[in-house]
Amino acid sequence: MTEHARRISIGRVRVLGVVSVLVLSASPAGVAAQTGSVDVQRSRFYVFVAKKGAGHEHGVEGRVAAGTIILGQLRQAGSLTFDLRSLVADTSAARRFFNLAGETDADTQAQINANMHGAAVLDLARFPSAEFRIDSALPTPQQADRPTQQPYELTGEFTLHGVTRTLRIAAVAEAADGLIRLRGKFPLKQTDYGIRPFSKLLGAVGVGDEVQVFGDLWLRP
């Protein structure tokens, strides 16, 4: 090995060492640099849908079909598959999650679900799932008043409705019940993914383009 090549090799080792130290020192006990498979029975994601015109606000609940996340990983940090067929509008859990008052009757709920699942919106017959391929899951600075929680930024490619876009998610991890609970959120514009937001009566009643997606994932170390 030449002297130049030897120096490059040593430099790479030092850089990787520094990254490893930062990841481990930034994370609280039980969270640092671990591979976690998603507990699909316990994990959920929720979508807040704002109203447009004379429409109504909705909370939507869905399930994760499969996933693995490697917290602290610089590259190839895992993936998540969202089961869009599981989406149900205005469940009691979703309405509580978003502090929405009241309940939605069964007939109205069924109509909302039919509109959401149908070809005019999500088109689940063609696109039954969404995929988040996670390139990195690196820690970000902790908050002094929350020493048991470790913030992360998950970066990768999100595919929905046949369209793929770069996505960054701010998330927080903490040890709970022998698992790692990872919670995060991100905004999503439906039209960015070729989805037409539901509307009727020439747009007088409908929902907004931008929705807010919240994940509540439980990972098995």
N, C-alpha and C. Protein backbone atom coordinates (compact mmCIF):
# COMPACT_ATOMS: atom_id res chain seq x y z
N MET A 1 0.84 -1.19 0.00
CA MET A 1 0.00 0.00 0.00
C MET A 1 0.88 1.25 0.00
N THR A 2 0.55 2.19 -0.86
CA THR A 2 1.32 3.44 -0.91
C THR A 2 1.01 4.29 0.31
N GLU A 3 1.90 5.27 0.60
CA GLU A 3 1.69 6.15 1.75
C GLU A 3 0.40 6.94 1.61
N HIS A 4 0.07 7.39 0.38
CA HIS A 4 -1.16 8.15 0.15
C HIS A 4 -2.39 7.29 0.43
N ALA A 5 -2.37 6.04 -0.06
CA ALA A 5 -3.51 5.15 0.16
C ALA A 5 -3.67 4.83 1.64
N ARG A 6 -2.50 4.66 2.34
CA ARG A 6 -2.56 4.36 3.77
C ARG A 6 -3.22 5.50 4.54
N ARG A 7 -2.89 6.74 4.18
CA ARG A 7 -3.47 7.90 4.85
C ARG A 7 -4.97 7.98 4.61
N ILE A 8 -5.41 7.70 3.37
CA ILE A 8 -6.83 7.72 3.06
C ILE A 8 -7.57 6.67 3.88
N SER A 9 -6.98 5.47 3.98
CA SER A 9 -7.60 4.39 4.74
C SER A 9 -7.74 4.76 6.22
N ILE A 10 -6.67 5.34 6.79
CA ILE A 10 -6.70 5.75 8.20
C ILE A 10 -7.76 6.83 8.40
N GLY A 11 -7.85 7.76 7.43
CA GLY A 11 -8.84 8.84 7.53
C GLY A 11 -10.25 8.31 7.54
N ARG A 12 -10.52 7.31 6.72
CA ARG A 12 -11.87 6.74 6.67
C ARG A 12 -12.21 6.07 8.00
N VAL A 13 -11.25 5.34 8.56
CA VAL A 13 -11.48 4.68 9.85
C VAL A 13 -11.79 5.70 10.92
N ARG A 14 -11.03 6.83 10.93
CA ARG A 14 -11.27 7.87 11.93
C ARG A 14 -12.65 8.48 11.79
N VAL A 15 -13.07 8.74 10.53
CA VAL A 15 -14.40 9.32 10.31
C VAL A 15 -15.49 8.39 10.80
N LEU A 16 -15.40 7.10 10.46
CA LEU A 16 -16.40 6.14 10.90
C LEU A 16 -16.40 6.02 12.42
N GLY A 17 -15.22 6.11 13.03
CA GLY A 17 -15.13 6.06 14.48
C GLY A 17 -15.81 7.22 15.13
N VAL A 18 -15.62 8.40 14.57
CA VAL A 18 -16.26 9.60 15.11
C VAL A 18 -17.78 9.49 15.00
N VAL A 19 -18.28 9.02 13.84
CA VAL A 19 -19.72 8.85 13.66
C VAL A 19 -20.28 7.88 14.69
N SER A 20 -19.58 6.77 14.92
CA SER A 20 -20.05 5.78 15.88
C SER A 20 -20.11 6.35 17.28
N VAL A 21 -19.10 7.11 17.67
CA VAL A 21 -19.07 7.71 19.00
C VAL A 21 -20.20 8.71 19.17
N LEU A 22 -20.44 9.53 18.15
CA LEU A 22 -21.53 10.51 18.22
C LEU A 22 -22.87 9.82 18.38
N VAL A 23 -23.09 8.75 17.61
CA VAL A 23 -24.36 8.04 17.68
C VAL A 23 -24.57 7.44 19.05
N LEU A 24 -23.55 6.77 19.59
CA LEU A 24 -23.69 6.09 20.87
C LEU A 24 -23.80 7.06 22.03
N SER A 25 -23.02 8.14 22.00
CA SER A 25 -23.04 9.07 23.11
C SER A 25 -24.29 9.93 23.12
N ALA A 26 -24.94 10.08 21.95
CA ALA A 26 -26.13 10.93 21.88
C ALA A 26 -27.38 10.22 22.32
N SER A 27 -27.35 8.88 22.44
CA SER A 27 -28.56 8.12 22.67
C SER A 27 -28.67 7.66 24.11
N PRO A 28 -29.87 7.71 24.71
CA PRO A 28 -30.05 7.21 26.06
C PRO A 28 -29.97 5.70 26.10
N ALA A 29 -29.83 5.14 27.28
CA ALA A 29 -29.73 3.70 27.42
C ALA A 29 -30.93 3.01 26.82
N GLY A 30 -30.69 1.91 26.11
CA GLY A 30 -31.77 1.14 25.52
C GLY A 30 -32.18 1.59 24.14
N VAL A 31 -31.59 2.66 23.60
CA VAL A 31 -32.01 3.17 22.30
C VAL A 31 -30.86 3.21 21.30
N ALA A 32 -29.62 3.28 21.75
CA ALA A 32 -28.49 3.56 20.88
C ALA A 32 -28.25 2.49 19.84
N ALA A 33 -28.12 2.91 18.57
CA ALA A 33 -27.63 2.10 17.46
C ALA A 33 -28.16 0.68 17.49
N GLN A 34 -29.46 0.51 17.46
CA GLN A 34 -30.06 -0.82 17.51
C GLN A 34 -30.91 -1.07 16.27
N THR A 35 -30.99 -2.35 15.91
CA THR A 35 -31.94 -2.77 14.89
C THR A 35 -33.24 -3.13 15.57
N GLY A 36 -34.33 -2.60 15.08
CA GLY A 36 -35.63 -2.91 15.65
C GLY A 36 -36.61 -3.32 14.58
N SER A 37 -37.23 -4.50 14.74
CA SER A 37 -38.30 -4.90 13.84
C SER A 37 -39.61 -4.34 14.37
N VAL A 38 -40.47 -3.88 13.50
CA VAL A 38 -41.71 -3.23 13.91
C VAL A 38 -42.70 -4.26 14.43
N ASP A 39 -43.24 -3.99 15.61
CA ASP A 39 -44.33 -4.78 16.15
C ASP A 39 -45.61 -4.31 15.45
N VAL A 40 -46.04 -5.05 14.44
CA VAL A 40 -47.15 -4.58 13.60
C VAL A 40 -48.49 -4.63 14.33
N GLN A 41 -48.59 -5.45 15.38
CA GLN A 41 -49.85 -5.50 16.12
C GLN A 41 -50.05 -4.26 16.98
N ARG A 42 -48.96 -3.71 17.46
CA ARG A 42 -49.05 -2.58 18.38
C ARG A 42 -48.88 -1.23 17.67
N SER A 43 -48.19 -1.21 16.56
CA SER A 43 -47.86 0.05 15.87
C SER A 43 -49.06 0.58 15.09
N ARG A 44 -49.13 1.89 15.00
CA ARG A 44 -50.19 2.56 14.25
C ARG A 44 -49.63 3.80 13.56
N PHE A 45 -50.35 4.27 12.53
CA PHE A 45 -50.09 5.61 12.03
C PHE A 45 -51.43 6.31 11.88
N TYR A 46 -51.39 7.62 12.08
CA TYR A 46 -52.61 8.43 12.07
C TYR A 46 -52.44 9.59 11.09
N VAL A 47 -53.51 9.94 10.43
CA VAL A 47 -53.49 11.02 9.44
C VAL A 47 -54.56 12.04 9.81
N PHE A 48 -54.14 13.30 9.93
CA PHE A 48 -55.10 14.37 10.17
C PHE A 48 -55.42 15.03 8.84
N VAL A 49 -56.72 15.07 8.52
CA VAL A 49 -57.19 15.63 7.27
C VAL A 49 -58.00 16.89 7.57
N ALA A 50 -57.50 18.04 7.13
CA ALA A 50 -58.18 19.30 7.39
C ALA A 50 -59.36 19.48 6.44
N LYS A 51 -60.29 20.29 6.84
CA LYS A 51 -61.47 20.52 6.01
C LYS A 51 -61.23 21.64 5.01
N LYS A 52 -62.04 21.63 3.98
CA LYS A 52 -62.05 22.70 2.99
C LYS A 52 -63.50 23.12 2.77
N GLY A 53 -63.75 24.41 2.81
CA GLY A 53 -65.12 24.88 2.64
C GLY A 53 -66.00 24.41 3.77
N ALA A 54 -67.12 23.80 3.44
CA ALA A 54 -68.07 23.32 4.44
C ALA A 54 -67.81 21.87 4.83
N GLY A 55 -66.61 21.39 4.57
CA GLY A 55 -66.28 20.01 4.90
C GLY A 55 -66.04 19.82 6.39
N HIS A 56 -65.49 18.66 6.75
CA HIS A 56 -65.24 18.33 8.15
C HIS A 56 -63.81 17.85 8.32
N GLU A 57 -63.27 18.06 9.51
CA GLU A 57 -61.95 17.52 9.84
C GLU A 57 -62.09 16.03 10.14
N HIS A 58 -61.06 15.28 9.76
CA HIS A 58 -61.10 13.84 9.97
C HIS A 58 -59.79 13.34 10.56
N GLY A 59 -59.91 12.31 11.38
CA GLY A 59 -58.75 11.57 11.86
C GLY A 59 -58.80 10.18 11.27
N VAL A 60 -57.71 9.72 10.68
CA VAL A 60 -57.67 8.43 10.00
C VAL A 60 -56.64 7.55 10.69
N GLU A 61 -56.99 6.29 10.91
CA GLU A 61 -56.09 5.34 11.57
C GLU A 61 -55.67 4.24 10.60
N GLY A 62 -54.39 3.88 10.62
CA GLY A 62 -53.89 2.82 9.75
C GLY A 62 -52.85 1.97 10.44
N ARG A 63 -52.49 0.86 9.80
CA ARG A 63 -51.53 -0.09 10.35
C ARG A 63 -50.28 -0.19 9.48
N VAL A 64 -49.21 -0.59 10.10
CA VAL A 64 -47.96 -0.86 9.39
C VAL A 64 -47.92 -2.34 9.05
N ALA A 65 -47.65 -2.67 7.80
CA ALA A 65 -47.62 -4.07 7.37
C ALA A 65 -46.33 -4.76 7.76
N ALA A 66 -45.21 -4.04 7.70
CA ALA A 66 -43.90 -4.63 8.01
C ALA A 66 -42.89 -3.50 8.12
N GLY A 67 -41.76 -3.79 8.77
CA GLY A 67 -40.73 -2.77 8.83
C GLY A 67 -39.58 -3.13 9.74
N THR A 68 -38.44 -2.56 9.45
CA THR A 68 -37.25 -2.66 10.28
C THR A 68 -36.54 -1.31 10.24
N ILE A 69 -36.12 -0.83 11.40
CA ILE A 69 -35.40 0.44 11.47
C ILE A 69 -34.12 0.22 12.28
N ILE A 70 -33.00 0.69 11.76
CA ILE A 70 -31.73 0.62 12.47
C ILE A 70 -31.40 2.02 12.96
N LEU A 71 -31.74 2.29 14.21
CA LEU A 71 -31.47 3.61 14.77
C LEU A 71 -29.97 3.83 14.89
N GLY A 72 -29.51 5.02 14.50
CA GLY A 72 -28.09 5.33 14.53
C GLY A 72 -27.35 4.93 13.27
N GLN A 73 -28.08 4.42 12.28
CA GLN A 73 -27.43 3.93 11.05
C GLN A 73 -27.24 5.06 10.05
N LEU A 74 -26.05 5.12 9.47
CA LEU A 74 -25.73 6.17 8.50
C LEU A 74 -26.24 5.85 7.11
N ARG A 75 -26.28 4.56 6.76
CA ARG A 75 -26.74 4.13 5.43
C ARG A 75 -27.58 2.86 5.56
N GLN A 76 -28.54 2.71 4.63
CA GLN A 76 -29.40 1.53 4.58
C GLN A 76 -29.98 1.23 5.96
N ALA A 77 -30.76 2.20 6.45
CA ALA A 77 -31.26 2.13 7.83
C ALA A 77 -32.61 1.45 7.96
N GLY A 78 -33.08 0.78 6.92
CA GLY A 78 -34.31 0.00 7.04
C GLY A 78 -35.40 0.44 6.09
N SER A 79 -36.62 0.00 6.40
CA SER A 79 -37.77 0.34 5.55
C SER A 79 -39.06 0.13 6.34
N LEU A 80 -40.11 0.82 5.88
CA LEU A 80 -41.44 0.67 6.46
C LEU A 80 -42.44 0.48 5.33
N THR A 81 -43.36 -0.43 5.52
CA THR A 81 -44.45 -0.63 4.57
C THR A 81 -45.76 -0.32 5.27
N PHE A 82 -46.49 0.66 4.73
CA PHE A 82 -47.77 1.08 5.31
C PHE A 82 -48.92 0.39 4.57
N ASP A 83 -49.78 -0.26 5.30
CA ASP A 83 -50.92 -0.96 4.71
C ASP A 83 -52.06 0.05 4.53
N LEU A 84 -52.20 0.57 3.33
CA LEU A 84 -53.23 1.58 3.07
C LEU A 84 -54.63 0.98 3.08
N ARG A 85 -54.74 -0.33 2.86
CA ARG A 85 -56.05 -0.97 2.91
C ARG A 85 -56.63 -0.97 4.32
N SER A 86 -55.74 -0.78 5.32
CA SER A 86 -56.20 -0.78 6.71
C SER A 86 -56.74 0.58 7.15
N LEU A 87 -56.62 1.60 6.30
CA LEU A 87 -57.03 2.95 6.70
C LEU A 87 -58.53 3.02 6.98
N VAL A 88 -58.85 3.52 8.16
CA VAL A 88 -60.25 3.70 8.55
C VAL A 88 -60.40 5.12 9.08
N ALA A 89 -61.35 5.83 8.54
CA ALA A 89 -61.57 7.22 8.94
C ALA A 89 -62.39 7.30 10.22
N ASP A 90 -62.01 8.26 11.05
CA ASP A 90 -62.79 8.64 12.22
C ASP A 90 -63.06 7.50 13.19
N THR A 91 -62.06 6.66 13.42
CA THR A 91 -62.16 5.71 14.52
C THR A 91 -62.10 6.49 15.83
N SER A 92 -62.55 5.87 16.89
CA SER A 92 -62.51 6.54 18.20
C SER A 92 -61.06 6.88 18.57
N ALA A 93 -60.14 5.96 18.28
CA ALA A 93 -58.73 6.19 18.61
C ALA A 93 -58.17 7.37 17.83
N ALA A 94 -58.50 7.46 16.53
CA ALA A 94 -57.99 8.55 15.70
C ALA A 94 -58.56 9.89 16.13
N ARG A 95 -59.83 9.93 16.46
CA ARG A 95 -60.44 11.19 16.88
C ARG A 95 -59.87 11.64 18.23
N ARG A 96 -59.60 10.69 19.12
CA ARG A 96 -58.95 11.05 20.40
C ARG A 96 -57.54 11.54 20.15
N PHE A 97 -56.83 10.90 19.24
CA PHE A 97 -55.45 11.27 18.96
C PHE A 97 -55.35 12.73 18.53
N PHE A 98 -56.32 13.18 17.76
CA PHE A 98 -56.31 14.57 17.25
C PHE A 98 -57.25 15.49 18.03
N ASN A 99 -57.77 15.01 19.15
CA ASN A 99 -58.66 15.83 19.99
C ASN A 99 -59.86 16.36 19.21
N LEU A 100 -60.42 15.51 18.37
CA LEU A 100 -61.62 15.89 17.62
C LEU A 100 -62.86 15.53 18.44
N ALA A 101 -63.75 16.47 18.56
CA ALA A 101 -64.93 16.26 19.40
C ALA A 101 -65.92 15.32 18.73
N GLY A 102 -66.65 14.58 19.56
CA GLY A 102 -67.74 13.76 19.07
C GLY A 102 -67.30 12.49 18.36
N GLU A 103 -68.29 11.75 17.86
CA GLU A 103 -68.05 10.52 17.12
C GLU A 103 -68.71 10.63 15.75
N THR A 104 -68.33 9.72 14.85
CA THR A 104 -68.91 9.69 13.51
C THR A 104 -69.78 8.45 13.39
N ASP A 105 -71.03 8.60 12.93
CA ASP A 105 -71.93 7.45 12.84
C ASP A 105 -71.44 6.49 11.77
N ALA A 106 -71.88 5.25 11.86
CA ALA A 106 -71.37 4.18 11.01
C ALA A 106 -71.61 4.43 9.53
N ASP A 107 -72.77 4.95 9.17
CA ASP A 107 -73.08 5.18 7.76
C ASP A 107 -72.17 6.26 7.17
N THR A 108 -71.97 7.35 7.92
CA THR A 108 -71.08 8.41 7.44
C THR A 108 -69.65 7.90 7.34
N GLN A 109 -69.23 7.14 8.32
CA GLN A 109 -67.88 6.58 8.31
C GLN A 109 -67.67 5.68 7.10
N ALA A 110 -68.66 4.86 6.79
CA ALA A 110 -68.55 3.96 5.64
C ALA A 110 -68.44 4.75 4.33
N GLN A 111 -69.18 5.85 4.22
CA GLN A 111 -69.12 6.67 3.01
C GLN A 111 -67.76 7.34 2.87
N ILE A 112 -67.22 7.85 3.99
CA ILE A 112 -65.90 8.48 3.96
C ILE A 112 -64.84 7.47 3.54
N ASN A 113 -64.91 6.27 4.10
CA ASN A 113 -63.94 5.24 3.75
C ASN A 113 -64.03 4.85 2.28
N ALA A 114 -65.26 4.75 1.77
CA ALA A 114 -65.44 4.39 0.36
C ALA A 114 -64.83 5.45 -0.54
N ASN A 115 -65.04 6.73 -0.21
CA ASN A 115 -64.45 7.81 -1.00
C ASN A 115 -62.93 7.77 -0.93
N MET A 116 -62.38 7.57 0.27
CA MET A 116 -60.93 7.57 0.48
C MET A 116 -60.26 6.40 -0.23
N HIS A 117 -60.87 5.22 -0.18
CA HIS A 117 -60.27 4.03 -0.77
C HIS A 117 -60.44 3.95 -2.28
N GLY A 118 -61.42 4.67 -2.81
CA GLY A 118 -61.79 4.51 -4.19
C GLY A 118 -60.81 5.07 -5.20
N ALA A 119 -61.11 4.82 -6.48
CA ALA A 119 -60.21 5.19 -7.58
C ALA A 119 -59.99 6.69 -7.67
N ALA A 120 -60.93 7.50 -7.20
CA ALA A 120 -60.80 8.95 -7.32
C ALA A 120 -59.80 9.54 -6.33
N VAL A 121 -59.45 8.78 -5.28
CA VAL A 121 -58.50 9.31 -4.27
C VAL A 121 -57.31 8.36 -4.17
N LEU A 122 -57.29 7.44 -3.22
CA LEU A 122 -56.11 6.59 -3.02
C LEU A 122 -55.98 5.48 -4.06
N ASP A 123 -57.10 5.06 -4.62
CA ASP A 123 -57.09 4.00 -5.65
C ASP A 123 -56.37 2.75 -5.13
N LEU A 124 -56.91 2.18 -4.05
CA LEU A 124 -56.26 1.05 -3.39
C LEU A 124 -56.21 -0.20 -4.25
N ALA A 125 -57.07 -0.30 -5.24
CA ALA A 125 -57.00 -1.46 -6.13
C ALA A 125 -55.67 -1.50 -6.87
N ARG A 126 -55.10 -0.33 -7.14
CA ARG A 126 -53.80 -0.25 -7.83
C ARG A 126 -52.64 -0.01 -6.88
N PHE A 127 -52.90 0.71 -5.78
CA PHE A 127 -51.82 1.10 -4.87
C PHE A 127 -52.21 0.75 -3.44
N PRO A 128 -52.13 -0.51 -3.05
CA PRO A 128 -52.59 -0.94 -1.73
C PRO A 128 -51.65 -0.61 -0.57
N SER A 129 -50.44 -0.15 -0.88
CA SER A 129 -49.49 0.14 0.19
C SER A 129 -48.61 1.32 -0.18
N ALA A 130 -47.93 1.86 0.84
CA ALA A 130 -46.92 2.91 0.65
C ALA A 130 -45.63 2.41 1.28
N GLU A 131 -44.51 2.87 0.76
CA GLU A 131 -43.20 2.36 1.21
C GLU A 131 -42.27 3.52 1.54
N PHE A 132 -41.61 3.42 2.69
CA PHE A 132 -40.58 4.39 3.06
C PHE A 132 -39.25 3.64 3.16
N ARG A 133 -38.38 3.85 2.20
CA ARG A 133 -37.04 3.25 2.22
C ARG A 133 -36.12 4.23 2.95
N ILE A 134 -35.64 3.81 4.10
CA ILE A 134 -34.89 4.70 4.99
C ILE A 134 -33.40 4.63 4.67
N ASP A 135 -32.86 5.74 4.21
CA ASP A 135 -31.43 5.80 3.92
C ASP A 135 -30.61 5.98 5.19
N SER A 136 -31.04 6.84 6.10
CA SER A 136 -30.30 7.09 7.33
C SER A 136 -31.28 7.37 8.47
N ALA A 137 -30.83 7.03 9.70
CA ALA A 137 -31.64 7.29 10.90
C ALA A 137 -30.68 7.77 11.97
N LEU A 138 -30.30 9.04 11.87
CA LEU A 138 -29.24 9.59 12.72
C LEU A 138 -29.80 10.44 13.85
N PRO A 139 -29.15 10.41 15.02
CA PRO A 139 -29.62 11.19 16.16
C PRO A 139 -29.41 12.68 15.96
N THR A 140 -30.27 13.45 16.56
CA THR A 140 -30.15 14.91 16.60
C THR A 140 -30.09 15.32 18.07
N PRO A 141 -29.73 16.57 18.38
CA PRO A 141 -29.52 16.97 19.79
C PRO A 141 -30.73 16.71 20.68
N GLN A 142 -30.44 16.20 21.87
CA GLN A 142 -31.48 15.97 22.86
C GLN A 142 -31.93 17.27 23.51
N GLN A 143 -33.15 17.24 24.05
CA GLN A 143 -33.64 18.35 24.86
C GLN A 143 -33.29 18.07 26.32
N ALA A 144 -32.76 19.08 26.99
CA ALA A 144 -32.29 18.91 28.36
C ALA A 144 -33.38 18.44 29.31
N ASP A 145 -34.62 18.85 29.05
CA ASP A 145 -35.71 18.48 29.95
C ASP A 145 -36.33 17.12 29.62
N ARG A 146 -35.78 16.43 28.61
CA ARG A 146 -36.29 15.11 28.23
C ARG A 146 -35.13 14.13 28.06
N PRO A 147 -34.43 13.80 29.15
CA PRO A 147 -33.21 12.99 29.05
C PRO A 147 -33.44 11.55 28.60
N THR A 148 -34.66 11.04 28.74
CA THR A 148 -34.92 9.66 28.34
C THR A 148 -35.33 9.54 26.87
N GLN A 149 -35.51 10.67 26.21
CA GLN A 149 -35.94 10.66 24.82
C GLN A 149 -34.79 11.07 23.90
N GLN A 150 -34.60 10.34 22.82
CA GLN A 150 -33.57 10.67 21.85
C GLN A 150 -34.21 11.03 20.51
N PRO A 151 -34.06 12.28 20.07
CA PRO A 151 -34.57 12.65 18.75
C PRO A 151 -33.72 12.04 17.62
N TYR A 152 -34.37 11.74 16.53
CA TYR A 152 -33.70 11.24 15.33
C TYR A 152 -34.26 11.96 14.10
N GLU A 153 -33.49 11.96 13.04
CA GLU A 153 -34.00 12.37 11.74
C GLU A 153 -33.87 11.18 10.80
N LEU A 154 -35.02 10.76 10.28
CA LEU A 154 -35.06 9.66 9.31
C LEU A 154 -35.17 10.26 7.92
N THR A 155 -34.25 9.88 7.06
CA THR A 155 -34.21 10.41 5.70
C THR A 155 -34.26 9.26 4.71
N GLY A 156 -35.06 9.42 3.67
CA GLY A 156 -35.14 8.37 2.66
C GLY A 156 -36.07 8.71 1.53
N GLU A 157 -36.56 7.67 0.86
CA GLU A 157 -37.44 7.82 -0.29
C GLU A 157 -38.81 7.22 0.04
N PHE A 158 -39.84 8.05 -0.12
CA PHE A 158 -41.21 7.64 0.20
C PHE A 158 -41.98 7.45 -1.10
N THR A 159 -42.60 6.28 -1.25
CA THR A 159 -43.37 5.97 -2.45
C THR A 159 -44.84 5.81 -2.09
N LEU A 160 -45.68 6.61 -2.73
CA LEU A 160 -47.12 6.62 -2.50
C LEU A 160 -47.83 6.83 -3.83
N HIS A 161 -48.84 6.02 -4.10
CA HIS A 161 -49.66 6.22 -5.30
C HIS A 161 -48.79 6.18 -6.57
N GLY A 162 -47.69 5.39 -6.52
CA GLY A 162 -46.82 5.25 -7.67
C GLY A 162 -45.81 6.36 -7.86
N VAL A 163 -45.73 7.30 -6.92
CA VAL A 163 -44.82 8.44 -7.01
C VAL A 163 -43.82 8.36 -5.85
N THR A 164 -42.53 8.60 -6.15
CA THR A 164 -41.49 8.54 -5.12
C THR A 164 -40.87 9.92 -4.93
N ARG A 165 -40.78 10.32 -3.66
CA ARG A 165 -40.18 11.61 -3.32
C ARG A 165 -39.29 11.46 -2.08
N THR A 166 -38.30 12.34 -1.97
CA THR A 166 -37.44 12.36 -0.79
C THR A 166 -38.25 12.83 0.41
N LEU A 167 -38.01 12.18 1.55
CA LEU A 167 -38.78 12.49 2.75
C LEU A 167 -37.85 12.54 3.96
N ARG A 168 -38.06 13.52 4.82
CA ARG A 168 -37.36 13.63 6.09
C ARG A 168 -38.39 13.64 7.21
N ILE A 169 -38.16 12.82 8.22
CA ILE A 169 -39.09 12.72 9.33
C ILE A 169 -38.36 12.99 10.64
N ALA A 170 -38.88 13.91 11.43
CA ALA A 170 -38.38 14.14 12.78
C ALA A 170 -39.08 13.16 13.71
N ALA A 171 -38.30 12.38 14.46
CA ALA A 171 -38.86 11.35 15.32
C ALA A 171 -38.16 11.37 16.68
N VAL A 172 -38.83 10.76 17.66
CA VAL A 172 -38.28 10.67 19.01
C VAL A 172 -38.40 9.22 19.48
N ALA A 173 -37.31 8.69 20.02
CA ALA A 173 -37.28 7.31 20.51
C ALA A 173 -37.08 7.29 22.01
N GLU A 174 -37.73 6.31 22.65
CA GLU A 174 -37.50 6.09 24.08
C GLU A 174 -37.82 4.64 24.41
N ALA A 175 -37.15 4.11 25.43
CA ALA A 175 -37.39 2.75 25.86
C ALA A 175 -38.70 2.69 26.64
N ALA A 176 -39.54 1.66 26.34
CA ALA A 176 -40.82 1.51 27.03
C ALA A 176 -41.28 0.06 26.91
N ASP A 177 -41.65 -0.54 28.02
CA ASP A 177 -42.19 -1.91 28.04
C ASP A 177 -41.26 -2.92 27.37
N GLY A 178 -39.96 -2.72 27.53
CA GLY A 178 -39.00 -3.63 26.92
C GLY A 178 -38.83 -3.45 25.42
N LEU A 179 -39.49 -2.45 24.85
CA LEU A 179 -39.41 -2.15 23.42
C LEU A 179 -38.86 -0.74 23.25
N ILE A 180 -38.74 -0.32 21.99
CA ILE A 180 -38.40 1.06 21.68
C ILE A 180 -39.62 1.70 21.02
N ARG A 181 -40.11 2.75 21.63
CA ARG A 181 -41.24 3.46 21.05
C ARG A 181 -40.71 4.63 20.23
N LEU A 182 -41.04 4.64 18.95
CA LEU A 182 -40.55 5.67 18.03
C LEU A 182 -41.75 6.43 17.48
N ARG A 183 -41.81 7.73 17.77
CA ARG A 183 -42.92 8.55 17.32
C ARG A 183 -42.41 9.69 16.45
N GLY A 184 -43.08 9.93 15.33
CA GLY A 184 -42.65 10.99 14.43
C GLY A 184 -43.82 11.51 13.62
N LYS A 185 -43.57 12.57 12.86
CA LYS A 185 -44.63 13.15 12.05
C LYS A 185 -44.02 13.86 10.84
N PHE A 186 -44.85 14.03 9.81
CA PHE A 186 -44.43 14.79 8.64
C PHE A 186 -45.66 15.27 7.87
N PRO A 187 -45.55 16.41 7.20
CA PRO A 187 -46.65 16.89 6.36
C PRO A 187 -46.58 16.23 4.98
N LEU A 188 -47.71 16.08 4.34
CA LEU A 188 -47.75 15.45 3.02
C LEU A 188 -48.81 16.14 2.17
N LYS A 189 -48.40 16.62 1.01
CA LYS A 189 -49.35 17.19 0.05
C LYS A 189 -49.82 16.09 -0.89
N GLN A 190 -51.13 15.88 -0.92
CA GLN A 190 -51.67 14.81 -1.74
C GLN A 190 -51.33 15.00 -3.22
N THR A 191 -51.42 16.25 -3.68
CA THR A 191 -51.18 16.50 -5.10
C THR A 191 -49.73 16.24 -5.51
N ASP A 192 -48.78 16.27 -4.53
CA ASP A 192 -47.39 15.93 -4.85
C ASP A 192 -47.26 14.48 -5.28
N TYR A 193 -48.23 13.66 -4.90
CA TYR A 193 -48.18 12.23 -5.23
C TYR A 193 -49.28 11.84 -6.22
N GLY A 194 -49.79 12.83 -6.91
CA GLY A 194 -50.78 12.54 -7.94
C GLY A 194 -52.15 12.17 -7.39
N ILE A 195 -52.42 12.53 -6.14
CA ILE A 195 -53.72 12.24 -5.52
C ILE A 195 -54.58 13.50 -5.54
N ARG A 196 -55.80 13.34 -5.96
CA ARG A 196 -56.72 14.48 -5.99
C ARG A 196 -57.53 14.50 -4.71
N PRO A 197 -57.39 15.53 -3.87
CA PRO A 197 -58.16 15.58 -2.62
C PRO A 197 -59.66 15.53 -2.88
N PHE A 198 -60.38 14.81 -2.04
CA PHE A 198 -61.82 14.66 -2.22
C PHE A 198 -62.53 16.00 -2.13
N SER A 199 -63.47 16.21 -3.05
CA SER A 199 -64.33 17.39 -3.00
C SER A 199 -65.62 17.10 -3.75
N LYS A 200 -66.64 17.88 -3.45
CA LYS A 200 -67.91 17.77 -4.16
C LYS A 200 -68.60 19.12 -4.15
N LEU A 201 -69.68 19.21 -4.88
CA LEU A 201 -70.42 20.48 -5.01
C LEU A 201 -69.49 21.59 -5.49
N LEU A 202 -68.73 21.27 -6.54
CA LEU A 202 -67.81 22.23 -7.17
C LEU A 202 -66.79 22.78 -6.17
N GLY A 203 -66.38 21.93 -5.23
CA GLY A 203 -65.35 22.33 -4.28
C GLY A 203 -65.88 23.00 -3.03
N ALA A 204 -67.20 23.15 -2.92
CA ALA A 204 -67.76 23.80 -1.73
C ALA A 204 -67.59 22.92 -0.48
N VAL A 205 -67.52 21.63 -0.69
CA VAL A 205 -67.31 20.67 0.40
C VAL A 205 -66.13 19.79 0.03
N GLY A 206 -65.20 19.64 0.94
CA GLY A 206 -64.05 18.78 0.64
C GLY A 206 -63.02 18.80 1.75
N VAL A 207 -61.82 18.34 1.40
CA VAL A 207 -60.72 18.31 2.36
C VAL A 207 -59.53 19.03 1.77
N GLY A 208 -58.61 19.46 2.64
CA GLY A 208 -57.43 20.18 2.19
C GLY A 208 -56.42 19.29 1.49
N ASP A 209 -55.54 19.91 0.74
CA ASP A 209 -54.50 19.18 0.02
C ASP A 209 -53.47 18.60 0.98
N GLU A 210 -53.03 19.40 1.95
CA GLU A 210 -51.99 18.94 2.87
C GLU A 210 -52.59 18.20 4.06
N VAL A 211 -52.05 17.02 4.32
CA VAL A 211 -52.44 16.25 5.50
C VAL A 211 -51.22 16.10 6.40
N GLN A 212 -51.45 15.77 7.67
CA GLN A 212 -50.38 15.56 8.63
C GLN A 212 -50.36 14.09 9.01
N VAL A 213 -49.20 13.45 8.85
CA VAL A 213 -49.06 12.02 9.12
C VAL A 213 -48.25 11.83 10.40
N PHE A 214 -48.77 11.07 11.34
CA PHE A 214 -48.12 10.79 12.61
C PHE A 214 -47.90 9.29 12.75
N GLY A 215 -46.69 8.90 13.09
CA GLY A 215 -46.39 7.49 13.31
C GLY A 215 -46.17 7.20 14.78
N ASP A 216 -46.72 6.10 15.25
CA ASP A 216 -46.50 5.63 16.62
C ASP A 216 -46.06 4.18 16.50
N LEU A 217 -44.74 3.98 16.40
CA LEU A 217 -44.19 2.66 16.11
C LEU A 217 -43.54 2.06 17.35
N TRP A 218 -43.70 0.75 17.48
CA TRP A 218 -43.07 0.00 18.55
C TRP A 218 -42.08 -0.97 17.92
N LEU A 219 -40.82 -0.86 18.32
CA LEU A 219 -39.75 -1.67 17.72
C LEU A 219 -39.25 -2.70 18.72
N ARG A 220 -39.07 -3.92 18.25
CA ARG A 220 -38.50 -4.99 19.07
C ARG A 220 -36.99 -5.02 18.84
N PRO A 221 -36.19 -4.71 19.87
CA PRO A 221 -34.74 -4.67 19.69
C PRO A 221 -34.18 -6.05 19.31
